[in-house]
Amino acid sequence: MPPSEDYPELIFFLGAGASIDAGLVGVIQLVDKFKEWLKSTSKIDQLNIVVEILSILQMWKEKRYDPSDIDIELLLDTIERIEDRDHDLLSFFYKDKTLRLEKYSSYESTYGKKGLSSELKRFIRQTFSETQLKTDYLEPLNSFISWPMQLSSMVENQYKLFV
């Protein structure tokens, strides 16, 4: 149905899991399906590489105390970063396997491993808490979201009239 005055163009945002209800394989199960596919197509070298990558990712997640399973997006992102390692952003911060920022003697002692990111987050929170956000542009969305509630109230009121 083309957009019209009565039926404006609608966009639905679906969260994680919507694909599963639609009958598609989830992002976590897709990892196993990919390994099965590699095996069934006799791509044993690639399968062994994927198994090794998954093992390393699992160690990384455990170190971060992250109990979630590895999904296909993390696997793909990791593989792409490995394949493009010479151009990956982080590679520019290292020279001969040494962090370039170590030349600032106060970097680790002042900020620790997460100190600078904490300072940046604090700055962002402070900046946006002091800023008056303009949300007028969201009014059409707000009206659209509240419309079913208004409809529900009207139906409820009509029901009460007949009872």
Protein backbone atom coordinates (compact mmCIF):
# COMPACT_ATOMS: atom_id res chain seq x y z
CA MET A 1 0.00 0.00 0.00
CA PRO A 2 1.56 3.32 -1.04
CA PRO A 3 1.76 6.10 1.56
CA SER A 4 -1.24 8.44 1.67
CA GLU A 5 -2.77 11.01 3.97
CA ASP A 6 -4.85 8.28 5.65
CA TYR A 7 -1.96 5.81 5.77
CA PRO A 8 1.38 7.57 6.14
CA GLU A 9 4.58 5.71 5.37
CA LEU A 10 5.32 3.42 8.32
CA ILE A 11 8.59 1.92 9.40
CA PHE A 12 8.65 -0.81 12.01
CA PHE A 13 11.75 -1.31 14.11
CA LEU A 14 12.03 -4.92 15.20
CA GLY A 15 14.35 -5.94 17.97
CA ALA A 16 16.57 -8.96 18.37
CA GLY A 17 14.65 -12.20 18.15
CA ALA A 18 12.14 -11.05 15.54
CA SER A 19 13.93 -13.18 12.94
CA ILE A 20 13.53 -16.30 15.10
CA ASP A 21 9.75 -15.80 15.29
CA ALA A 22 9.82 -15.43 11.50
CA GLY A 23 11.41 -18.87 11.23
CA LEU A 24 14.99 -17.79 10.60
CA VAL A 25 18.05 -19.16 12.37
CA GLY A 26 19.28 -16.99 15.25
CA VAL A 27 22.67 -15.30 15.20
CA ILE A 28 24.09 -17.71 17.79
CA GLN A 29 22.86 -20.86 16.07
CA LEU A 30 24.18 -19.51 12.78
CA VAL A 31 27.74 -20.05 14.06
CA ASP A 32 27.14 -23.81 14.34
CA LYS A 33 25.33 -23.85 10.99
CA PHE A 34 28.34 -22.14 9.41
CA LYS A 35 30.72 -24.73 10.87
CA GLU A 36 28.43 -27.51 9.59
CA TRP A 37 28.36 -25.88 6.15
CA LEU A 38 32.15 -25.62 6.03
CA LYS A 39 32.40 -29.30 6.95
CA SER A 40 29.76 -30.40 4.43
CA THR A 41 31.51 -28.48 1.64
CA SER A 42 34.89 -30.00 2.57
CA LYS A 43 36.41 -26.66 3.57
CA ILE A 44 38.35 -28.27 6.39
CA ASP A 45 41.13 -25.66 6.55
CA GLN A 46 38.56 -22.87 6.90
CA LEU A 47 36.68 -24.94 9.51
CA ASN A 48 39.88 -25.36 11.54
CA ILE A 49 40.55 -21.62 11.34
CA VAL A 50 37.00 -20.83 12.50
CA VAL A 51 37.31 -23.29 15.40
CA GLU A 52 40.58 -21.61 16.45
CA ILE A 53 39.04 -18.13 16.16
CA LEU A 54 36.05 -19.25 18.25
CA SER A 55 38.39 -20.65 20.88
CA ILE A 56 40.24 -17.34 21.12
CA LEU A 57 36.99 -15.38 21.21
CA GLN A 58 35.76 -17.61 24.03
CA MET A 59 38.93 -16.87 26.05
CA TRP A 60 38.43 -13.15 25.37
CA LYS A 61 34.80 -13.29 26.55
CA GLU A 62 35.76 -15.21 29.69
CA LYS A 63 38.40 -12.60 30.53
CA ARG A 64 35.68 -9.95 30.23
CA TYR A 65 33.32 -12.03 32.41
CA ASP A 66 30.91 -12.16 29.49
CA PRO A 67 28.83 -15.35 29.71
CA SER A 68 27.00 -14.81 26.41
CA ASP A 69 27.55 -17.11 23.47
CA ILE A 70 29.53 -16.06 20.40
CA ASP A 71 27.22 -14.95 17.62
CA ILE A 72 27.75 -14.74 13.87
CA GLU A 73 28.18 -10.95 13.98
CA LEU A 74 31.13 -11.15 16.38
CA LEU A 75 32.64 -13.97 14.32
CA LEU A 76 32.28 -12.03 11.06
CA ASP A 77 33.61 -8.81 12.60
CA THR A 78 36.62 -10.70 13.98
CA ILE A 79 37.36 -12.43 10.68
CA GLU A 80 37.12 -9.14 8.78
CA ARG A 81 39.44 -7.43 11.26
CA ILE A 82 41.94 -10.27 10.92
CA GLU A 83 41.76 -10.12 7.13
CA ASP A 84 42.18 -6.33 7.19
CA ARG A 85 44.64 -6.26 10.10
CA ASP A 86 47.15 -4.02 8.30
CA HIS A 87 44.51 -1.31 8.02
CA ASP A 88 42.67 -1.87 11.31
CA LEU A 89 42.51 1.27 13.43
CA LEU A 90 44.18 -0.35 16.44
CA SER A 91 47.24 -1.35 14.41
CA PHE A 92 48.12 2.34 14.08
CA PHE A 93 48.41 2.63 17.87
CA TYR A 94 51.17 0.04 17.99
CA LYS A 95 54.73 0.08 16.75
CA ASP A 96 56.74 -3.12 17.03
CA LYS A 97 54.02 -4.57 19.31
CA THR A 98 54.41 -1.64 21.72
CA LEU A 99 51.58 0.77 22.47
CA ARG A 100 52.60 4.19 21.13
CA LEU A 101 50.96 5.87 24.13
CA GLU A 102 53.45 4.28 26.51
CA LYS A 103 55.84 7.12 25.72
CA TYR A 104 53.63 9.21 28.00
CA SER A 105 54.90 7.95 31.33
CA SER A 106 51.77 9.09 33.12
CA TYR A 107 49.35 7.28 30.80
CA GLU A 108 49.06 4.01 32.75
CA SER A 109 49.77 5.47 36.19
CA THR A 110 47.26 8.33 35.79
CA TYR A 111 44.48 6.63 33.88
CA GLY A 112 45.02 2.91 34.21
CA LYS A 113 43.52 0.73 31.53
CA LYS A 114 40.06 2.31 31.67
CA GLY A 115 40.75 5.69 33.24
CA LEU A 116 40.80 7.77 30.08
CA SER A 117 37.59 6.20 28.76
CA SER A 118 35.97 6.94 32.14
CA GLU A 119 37.02 10.58 31.81
CA LEU A 120 35.56 10.78 28.29
CA LYS A 121 32.27 9.20 29.43
CA ARG A 122 32.07 11.63 32.34
CA PHE A 123 32.66 14.53 29.93
CA ILE A 124 29.92 13.29 27.57
CA ARG A 125 27.42 12.87 30.43
CA GLN A 126 28.25 16.33 31.75
CA THR A 127 27.95 17.92 28.31
CA PHE A 128 24.57 16.38 27.57
CA SER A 129 23.13 16.83 31.05
CA GLU A 130 23.78 20.57 30.75
CA THR A 131 22.19 20.73 27.31
CA GLN A 132 18.46 21.23 26.87
CA LEU A 133 17.47 18.63 24.32
CA LYS A 134 15.06 19.68 21.62
CA THR A 135 12.60 16.87 21.01
CA ASP A 136 9.87 18.64 19.04
CA TYR A 137 10.79 16.63 15.96
CA LEU A 138 9.68 13.46 17.81
CA GLU A 139 6.08 14.69 18.23
CA PRO A 140 4.72 12.79 15.18
CA LEU A 141 6.23 9.57 16.53
CA ASN A 142 4.86 10.26 19.99
CA SER A 143 1.39 10.83 18.51
CA PHE A 144 1.66 7.61 16.53
CA ILE A 145 2.73 5.63 19.60
CA SER A 146 -0.04 7.09 21.79
CA TRP A 147 -2.71 6.53 19.09
CA PRO A 148 -3.34 2.85 20.02
CA MET A 149 -3.71 3.89 23.66
CA GLN A 150 -6.25 6.57 22.65
CA LEU A 151 -8.08 4.00 20.54
CA SER A 152 -8.08 1.55 23.43
CA SER A 153 -9.56 4.21 25.74
CA MET A 154 -12.26 5.04 23.18
CA VAL A 155 -13.21 1.38 22.80
CA GLU A 156 -13.23 0.94 26.56
CA ASN A 157 -15.47 4.00 26.99
CA GLN A 158 -17.83 2.77 24.26
CA TYR A 159 -17.97 -0.62 25.92
CA LYS A 160 -18.92 0.99 29.25
CA LEU A 161 -21.76 2.87 27.52
CA PHE A 162 -23.27 -0.36 26.25
CA VAL A 163 -22.90 -2.32 29.49
